[in-house]
PDB file of N, CA and C in Angstrom:
ATOM      1  N   MET A   1      11.919  -8.199  14.989  1.00  0.00           N
ATOM      2  CA  MET A   1      10.662  -7.551  14.694  1.00  0.00           C
ATOM      3  C   MET A   1       9.535  -8.350  15.343  1.00  0.00           C
ATOM      4  N   GLY A   2       8.639  -7.694  16.053  1.00  0.00           N
ATOM      5  CA  GLY A   2       7.550  -8.369  16.744  1.00  0.00           C
ATOM      6  C   GLY A   2       6.395  -8.690  15.824  1.00  0.00           C
ATOM      7  N   GLU A   3       5.559  -9.594  16.291  1.00  0.00           N
ATOM      8  CA  GLU A   3       4.385 -10.018  15.531  1.00  0.00           C
ATOM      9  C   GLU A   3       3.377  -8.878  15.451  1.00  0.00           C
ATOM     10  N   HIS A   4       2.837  -8.653  14.265  1.00  0.00           N
ATOM     11  CA  HIS A   4       1.840  -7.605  14.060  1.00  0.00           C
ATOM     12  C   HIS A   4       0.632  -8.234  13.379  1.00  0.00           C
ATOM     13  N   LYS A   5      -0.461  -8.415  14.117  1.00  0.00           N
ATOM     14  CA  LYS A   5      -1.662  -9.038  13.555  1.00  0.00           C
ATOM     15  C   LYS A   5      -2.340  -8.083  12.576  1.00  0.00           C
ATOM     16  N   LYS A   6      -2.858  -8.666  11.498  1.00  0.00           N
ATOM     17  CA  LYS A   6      -3.618  -7.918  10.510  1.00  0.00           C
ATOM     18  C   LYS A   6      -4.909  -8.666  10.248  1.00  0.00           C
ATOM     19  N   PHE A   7      -5.942  -7.897   9.914  1.00  0.00           N
ATOM     20  CA  PHE A   7      -7.261  -8.444   9.661  1.00  0.00           C
ATOM     21  C   PHE A   7      -7.797  -7.888   8.351  1.00  0.00           C
ATOM     22  N   CYS A   8      -8.671  -8.655   7.682  1.00  0.00           N
ATOM     23  CA  CYS A   8      -9.383  -8.164   6.503  1.00  0.00           C
ATOM     24  C   CYS A   8     -10.406  -7.141   6.982  1.00  0.00           C
ATOM     25  N   HIS A   9     -10.352  -5.957   6.422  1.00  0.00           N
ATOM     26  CA  HIS A   9     -11.290  -4.912   6.809  1.00  0.00           C
ATOM     27  C   HIS A   9     -12.707  -5.195   6.313  1.00  0.00           C
ATOM     28  N   CYS A  10     -12.874  -6.121   5.356  1.00  0.00           N
ATOM     29  CA  CYS A  10     -14.215  -6.474   4.856  1.00  0.00           C
ATOM     30  C   CYS A  10     -14.883  -7.522   5.743  1.00  0.00           C
ATOM     31  N   CYS A  11     -14.263  -8.690   5.890  1.00  0.00           N
ATOM     32  CA  CYS A  11     -14.905  -9.810   6.591  1.00  0.00           C
ATOM     33  C   CYS A  11     -14.410 -10.010   8.016  1.00  0.00           C
ATOM     34  N   GLY A  12     -13.299  -9.371   8.381  1.00  0.00           N
ATOM     35  CA  GLY A  12     -12.774  -9.485   9.740  1.00  0.00           C
ATOM     36  C   GLY A  12     -11.824 -10.640   9.968  1.00  0.00           C
ATOM     37  N   LYS A  13     -11.568 -11.454   8.938  1.00  0.00           N
ATOM     38  CA  LYS A  13     -10.676 -12.610   9.062  1.00  0.00           C
ATOM     39  C   LYS A  13      -9.277 -12.158   9.455  1.00  0.00           C
ATOM     40  N   GLU A  14      -8.656 -12.875  10.406  1.00  0.00           N
ATOM     41  CA  GLU A  14      -7.263 -12.600  10.776  1.00  0.00           C
ATOM     42  C   GLU A  14      -6.351 -13.329   9.788  1.00  0.00           C
ATOM     43  N   PHE A  15      -5.331 -12.635   9.288  1.00  0.00           N
ATOM     44  CA  PHE A  15      -4.386 -13.246   8.355  1.00  0.00           C
ATOM     45  C   PHE A  15      -3.410 -14.127   9.126  1.00  0.00           C
ATOM     46  N   ALA A  16      -3.272 -15.383   8.678  1.00  0.00           N
ATOM     47  CA  ALA A  16      -2.406 -16.355   9.338  1.00  0.00           C
ATOM     48  C   ALA A  16      -0.942 -15.953   9.220  1.00  0.00           C
ATOM     49  N   MET A  17      -0.206 -16.174  10.301  1.00  0.00           N
ATOM     50  CA  MET A  17       1.213 -15.839  10.317  1.00  0.00           C
ATOM     51  C   MET A  17       2.032 -17.037  10.778  1.00  0.00           C
ATOM     52  N   ASN A  18       3.291 -17.072  10.335  1.00  0.00           N
ATOM     53  CA  ASN A  18       4.289 -18.018  10.826  1.00  0.00           C
ATOM     54  C   ASN A  18       5.494 -17.165  11.171  1.00  0.00           C
ATOM     55  N   GLY A  19       5.682 -16.867  12.442  1.00  0.00           N
ATOM     56  CA  GLY A  19       6.723 -15.929  12.850  1.00  0.00           C
ATOM     57  C   GLY A  19       6.336 -14.536  12.395  1.00  0.00           C
ATOM     58  N   ASP A  20       7.192 -13.892  11.605  1.00  0.00           N
ATOM     59  CA  ASP A  20       6.923 -12.551  11.087  1.00  0.00           C
ATOM     60  C   ASP A  20       6.394 -12.572   9.655  1.00  0.00           C
ATOM     61  N   MET A  21       6.088 -13.777   9.132  1.00  0.00           N
ATOM     62  CA  MET A  21       5.667 -13.900   7.736  1.00  0.00           C
ATOM     63  C   MET A  21       4.174 -14.229   7.648  1.00  0.00           C
ATOM     64  N   TYR A  22       3.460 -13.474   6.813  1.00  0.00           N
ATOM     65  CA  TYR A  22       2.054 -13.783   6.553  1.00  0.00           C
ATOM     66  C   TYR A  22       1.984 -14.994   5.634  1.00  0.00           C
ATOM     67  N   MET A  23       1.099 -15.923   5.944  1.00  0.00           N
ATOM     68  CA  MET A  23       1.007 -17.188   5.213  1.00  0.00           C
ATOM     69  C   MET A  23      -0.078 -17.166   4.145  1.00  0.00           C
ATOM     70  N   GLU A  24      -0.576 -15.989   3.830  1.00  0.00           N
ATOM     71  CA  GLU A  24      -1.558 -15.844   2.759  1.00  0.00           C
ATOM     72  C   GLU A  24      -1.416 -14.462   2.151  1.00  0.00           C
ATOM     73  N   GLU A  25      -1.895 -14.333   0.939  1.00  0.00           N
ATOM     74  CA  GLU A  25      -1.837 -13.067   0.225  1.00  0.00           C
ATOM     75  C   GLU A  25      -3.033 -12.197   0.594  1.00  0.00           C
ATOM     76  N   PHE A  26      -2.822 -10.897   0.600  1.00  0.00           N
ATOM     77  CA  PHE A  26      -3.909  -9.943   0.788  1.00  0.00           C
ATOM     78  C   PHE A  26      -3.518  -8.640   0.121  1.00  0.00           C
ATOM     79  N   LEU A  27      -4.511  -7.824  -0.172  1.00  0.00           N
ATOM     80  CA  LEU A  27      -4.282  -6.530  -0.801  1.00  0.00           C
ATOM     81  C   LEU A  27      -4.184  -5.472   0.291  1.00  0.00           C
ATOM     82  N   HIS A  28      -3.127  -4.670   0.246  1.00  0.00           N
ATOM     83  CA  HIS A  28      -2.954  -3.552   1.175  1.00  0.00           C
ATOM     84  C   HIS A  28      -3.083  -2.264   0.362  1.00  0.00           C
ATOM     85  N   ILE A  29      -3.978  -1.387   0.790  1.00  0.00           N
ATOM     86  CA  ILE A  29      -4.212  -0.118   0.099  1.00  0.00           C
ATOM     87  C   ILE A  29      -3.928   1.020   1.068  1.00  0.00           C
ATOM     88  N   GLU A  30      -3.156   2.003   0.626  1.00  0.00           N
ATOM     89  CA  GLU A  30      -2.935   3.224   1.400  1.00  0.00           C
ATOM     90  C   GLU A  30      -3.340   4.411   0.539  1.00  0.00           C
ATOM     91  N   LYS A  31      -4.049   5.356   1.138  1.00  0.00           N
ATOM     92  CA  LYS A  31      -4.520   6.521   0.402  1.00  0.00           C
ATOM     93  C   LYS A  31      -4.360   7.770   1.254  1.00  0.00           C
ATOM     94  N   GLU A  32      -3.735   8.795   0.673  1.00  0.00           N
ATOM     95  CA  GLU A  32      -3.672  10.124   1.269  1.00  0.00           C
ATOM     96  C   GLU A  32      -4.692  10.978   0.540  1.00  0.00           C
ATOM     97  N   TRP A  33      -5.771  11.365   1.224  1.00  0.00           N
ATOM     98  CA  TRP A  33      -6.851  12.114   0.593  1.00  0.00           C
ATOM     99  C   TRP A  33      -6.473  13.574   0.447  1.00  0.00           C
ATOM    100  N   GLY A  34      -6.900  14.182  -0.678  1.00  0.00           N
ATOM    101  CA  GLY A  34      -6.544  15.558  -1.002  1.00  0.00           C
ATOM    102  C   GLY A  34      -7.736  16.481  -1.130  1.00  0.00           C
ATOM    103  N   TYR A  35      -7.478  17.615  -1.734  1.00  0.00           N
ATOM    104  CA  TYR A  35      -8.422  18.735  -1.816  1.00  0.00           C
ATOM    105  C   TYR A  35      -9.816  18.398  -2.298  1.00  0.00           C
ATOM    106  N   PHE A  36      -9.947  17.542  -3.303  1.00  0.00           N
ATOM    107  CA  PHE A  36     -11.239  17.315  -3.940  1.00  0.00           C
ATOM    108  C   PHE A  36     -12.007  16.152  -3.314  1.00  0.00           C
ATOM    109  N   SER A  37     -11.750  15.885  -2.046  1.00  0.00           N
ATOM    110  CA  SER A  37     -12.395  14.794  -1.330  1.00  0.00           C
ATOM    111  C   SER A  37     -12.992  15.298  -0.018  1.00  0.00           C
ATOM    112  N   ASP A  38     -14.047  14.639   0.426  1.00  0.00           N
ATOM    113  CA  ASP A  38     -14.600  14.945   1.750  1.00  0.00           C
ATOM    114  C   ASP A  38     -13.655  14.494   2.859  1.00  0.00           C
ATOM    115  N   GLN A  39     -12.671  13.669   2.523  1.00  0.00           N
ATOM    116  CA  GLN A  39     -11.686  13.171   3.490  1.00  0.00           C
ATOM    117  C   GLN A  39     -10.375  13.962   3.426  1.00  0.00           C
ATOM    118  N   ASP A  40     -10.395  15.160   2.886  1.00  0.00           N
ATOM    119  CA  ASP A  40      -9.195  15.984   2.715  1.00  0.00           C
ATOM    120  C   ASP A  40      -8.366  16.014   3.998  1.00  0.00           C
ATOM    121  N   GLY A  41      -7.081  15.715   3.858  1.00  0.00           N
ATOM    122  CA  GLY A  41      -6.164  15.743   4.994  1.00  0.00           C
ATOM    123  C   GLY A  41      -6.087  14.439   5.765  1.00  0.00           C
ATOM    124  N   MET A  42      -6.869  13.437   5.366  1.00  0.00           N
ATOM    125  CA  MET A  42      -6.883  12.150   6.063  1.00  0.00           C
ATOM    126  C   MET A  42      -6.030  11.128   5.314  1.00  0.00           C
ATOM    127  N   ASN A  43      -5.397  10.224   6.065  1.00  0.00           N
ATOM    128  CA  ASN A  43      -4.692   9.076   5.510  1.00  0.00           C
ATOM    129  C   ASN A  43      -5.492   7.834   5.862  1.00  0.00           C
ATOM    130  N   MET A  44      -5.625   6.918   4.912  1.00  0.00           N
ATOM    131  CA  MET A  44      -6.408   5.705   5.117  1.00  0.00           C
ATOM    132  C   MET A  44      -5.560   4.500   4.755  1.00  0.00           C
ATOM    133  N   SER A  45      -5.700   3.413   5.525  1.00  0.00           N
ATOM    134  CA  SER A  45      -5.003   2.161   5.275  1.00  0.00           C
ATOM    135  C   SER A  45      -6.015   1.026   5.396  1.00  0.00           C
ATOM    136  N   VAL A  46      -6.060   0.145   4.381  1.00  0.00           N
ATOM    137  CA  VAL A  46      -7.038  -0.935   4.331  1.00  0.00           C
ATOM    138  C   VAL A  46      -6.357  -2.220   3.876  1.00  0.00           C
ATOM    139  N   ASP A  47      -6.710  -3.338   4.501  1.00  0.00           N
ATOM    140  CA  ASP A  47      -6.252  -4.663   4.081  1.00  0.00           C
ATOM    141  C   ASP A  47      -7.476  -5.490   3.709  1.00  0.00           C
ATOM    142  N   VAL A  48      -7.404  -6.212   2.566  1.00  0.00           N
ATOM    143  CA  VAL A  48      -8.531  -6.994   2.066  1.00  0.00           C
ATOM    144  C   VAL A  48      -8.028  -8.386   1.681  1.00  0.00           C
ATOM    145  N   CYS A  49      -8.695  -9.440   2.207  1.00  0.00           N
ATOM    146  CA  CYS A  49      -8.294 -10.811   1.883  1.00  0.00           C
ATOM    147  C   CYS A  49      -8.626 -11.132   0.420  1.00  0.00           C
ATOM    148  N   GLU A  50      -8.037 -12.191  -0.091  1.00  0.00           N
ATOM    149  CA  GLU A  50      -8.232 -12.570  -1.494  1.00  0.00           C
ATOM    150  C   GLU A  50      -9.697 -12.866  -1.808  1.00  0.00           C
ATOM    151  N   LYS A  51     -10.397 -13.554  -0.899  1.00  0.00           N
ATOM    152  CA  LYS A  51     -11.805 -13.900  -1.132  1.00  0.00           C
ATOM    153  C   LYS A  51     -12.660 -12.637  -1.259  1.00  0.00           C
ATOM    154  N   CYS A  52     -12.482 -11.689  -0.349  1.00  0.00           N
ATOM    155  CA  CYS A  52     -13.254 -10.443  -0.412  1.00  0.00           C
ATOM    156  C   CYS A  52     -12.882  -9.622  -1.646  1.00  0.00           C
ATOM    157  N   LEU A  53     -11.597  -9.593  -1.991  1.00  0.00           N
ATOM    158  CA  LEU A  53     -11.155  -8.848  -3.170  1.00  0.00           C
ATOM    159  C   LEU A  53     -11.786  -9.406  -4.434  1.00  0.00           C
ATOM    160  N   MET A  54     -11.797 -10.728  -4.581  1.00  0.00           N
ATOM    161  CA  MET A  54     -12.374 -11.338  -5.780  1.00  0.00           C
ATOM    162  C   MET A  54     -13.880 -11.062  -5.844  1.00  0.00           C
ATOM    163  N   GLY A  55     -14.577 -11.061  -4.715  1.00  0.00           N
ATOM    164  CA  GLY A  55     -15.994 -10.717  -4.679  1.00  0.00           C
ATOM    165  C   GLY A  55     -16.228  -9.264  -5.060  1.00  0.00           C
ATOM    166  N   TRP A  56     -15.363  -8.377  -4.594  1.00  0.00           N
ATOM    167  CA  TRP A  56     -15.448  -6.955  -4.912  1.00  0.00           C
ATOM    168  C   TRP A  56     -15.248  -6.729  -6.411  1.00  0.00           C
ATOM    169  N   ILE A  57     -14.218  -7.374  -6.973  1.00  0.00           N
ATOM    170  CA  ILE A  57     -13.875  -7.208  -8.386  1.00  0.00           C
ATOM    171  C   ILE A  57     -15.020  -7.671  -9.296  1.00  0.00           C
ATOM    172  N   LYS A  58     -15.779  -8.696  -8.882  1.00  0.00           N
ATOM    173  CA  LYS A  58     -16.907  -9.177  -9.686  1.00  0.00           C
ATOM    174  C   LYS A  58     -17.928  -8.078  -9.951  1.00  0.00           C
ATOM    175  N   ASN A  59     -17.974  -7.069  -9.088  1.00  0.00           N
ATOM    176  CA  ASN A  59     -18.931  -5.972  -9.235  1.00  0.00           C
ATOM    177  C   ASN A  59     -18.375  -4.780 -10.014  1.00  0.00           C
ATOM    178  N   PHE A  60     -17.109  -4.839 -10.415  1.00  0.00           N
ATOM    179  CA  PHE A  60     -16.504  -3.736 -11.173  1.00  0.00           C
ATOM    180  C   PHE A  60     -17.156  -3.633 -12.549  1.00  0.00           C
ATOM    181  N   LYS A  61     -17.401  -2.440 -13.003  1.00  0.00           N
ATOM    182  CA  LYS A  61     -17.920  -2.230 -14.356  1.00  0.00           C
ATOM    183  C   LYS A  61     -16.824  -2.535 -15.387  1.00  0.00           C
ATOM    184  N   HIS A  62     -15.603  -2.145 -15.107  1.00  0.00           N
ATOM    185  CA  HIS A  62     -14.452  -2.422 -15.973  1.00  0.00           C
ATOM    186  C   HIS A  62     -13.519  -3.361 -15.213  1.00  0.00           C
ATOM    187  N   LYS A  63     -13.337  -4.551 -15.733  1.00  0.00           N
ATOM    188  CA  LYS A  63     -12.522  -5.565 -15.067  1.00  0.00           C
ATOM    189  C   LYS A  63     -11.040  -5.190 -15.118  1.00  0.00           C
ATOM    190  N   PRO A  64     -10.278  -5.545 -14.080  1.00  0.00           N
ATOM    191  CA  PRO A  64      -8.845  -5.256 -14.091  1.00  0.00           C
ATOM    192  C   PRO A  64      -8.132  -6.103 -15.152  1.00  0.00           C
ATOM    193  N   GLU A  65      -7.029  -5.584 -15.645  1.00  0.00           N
ATOM    194  CA  GLU A  65      -6.219  -6.338 -16.600  1.00  0.00           C
ATOM    195  C   GLU A  65      -5.429  -7.397 -15.847  1.00  0.00           C
ATOM    196  N   LEU A  66      -5.415  -8.612 -16.371  1.00  0.00           N
ATOM    197  CA  LEU A  66      -4.657  -9.701 -15.781  1.00  0.00           C
ATOM    198  C   LEU A  66      -3.591 -10.147 -16.763  1.00  0.00           C
ATOM    199  N   GLN A  67      -2.401 -10.361 -16.248  1.00  0.00           N
ATOM    200  CA  GLN A  67      -1.300 -10.873 -17.069  1.00  0.00           C
ATOM    201  C   GLN A  67      -0.627 -11.999 -16.317  1.00  0.00           C
ATOM    202  N   GLU A  68      -0.530 -13.163 -16.967  1.00  0.00           N
ATOM    203  CA  GLU A  68       0.160 -14.282 -16.342  1.00  0.00           C
ATOM    204  C   GLU A  68       1.649 -14.000 -16.363  1.00  0.00           C
ATOM    205  N   ARG A  69       2.325 -14.330 -15.279  1.00  0.00           N
ATOM    206  CA  ARG A  69       3.769 -14.110 -15.219  1.00  0.00           C
ATOM    207  C   ARG A  69       4.476 -15.442 -15.038  1.00  0.00           C
ATOM    208  N   ALA A  70       5.672 -15.485 -15.556  1.00  0.00           N
ATOM    209  CA  ALA A  70       6.501 -16.681 -15.388  1.00  0.00           C
ATOM    210  C   ALA A  70       7.179 -16.610 -14.030  1.00  0.00           C
ATOM    211  N   GLU A  71       7.165 -17.721 -13.307  1.00  0.00           N
ATOM    212  CA  GLU A  71       7.851 -17.755 -12.003  1.00  0.00           C
ATOM    213  C   GLU A  71       9.359 -17.694 -12.227  1.00  0.00           C
ATOM    214  N   LEU A  72      10.014 -16.983 -11.364  1.00  0.00           N
ATOM    215  CA  LEU A  72      11.474 -16.855 -11.474  1.00  0.00           C
ATOM    216  C   LEU A  72      12.176 -17.925 -10.696  1.00  0.00           C
TER     217      LEU A  72
END
């Protein structure tokens, strides 16, 4: 499998890679827009780095639920 560069769609940062493995976490969102949207019929794909995601979440009216997990 060849190298595929990815960037944060918010800040433009390139995600670090080692071979085919990304060396940092990021959020990947895919959305297929439907009838009740101005984007009806469009597919969207977005990648957001952890720093931008945490900044975005600070502005949420309702905070996401967080649950600590035990490492396996």
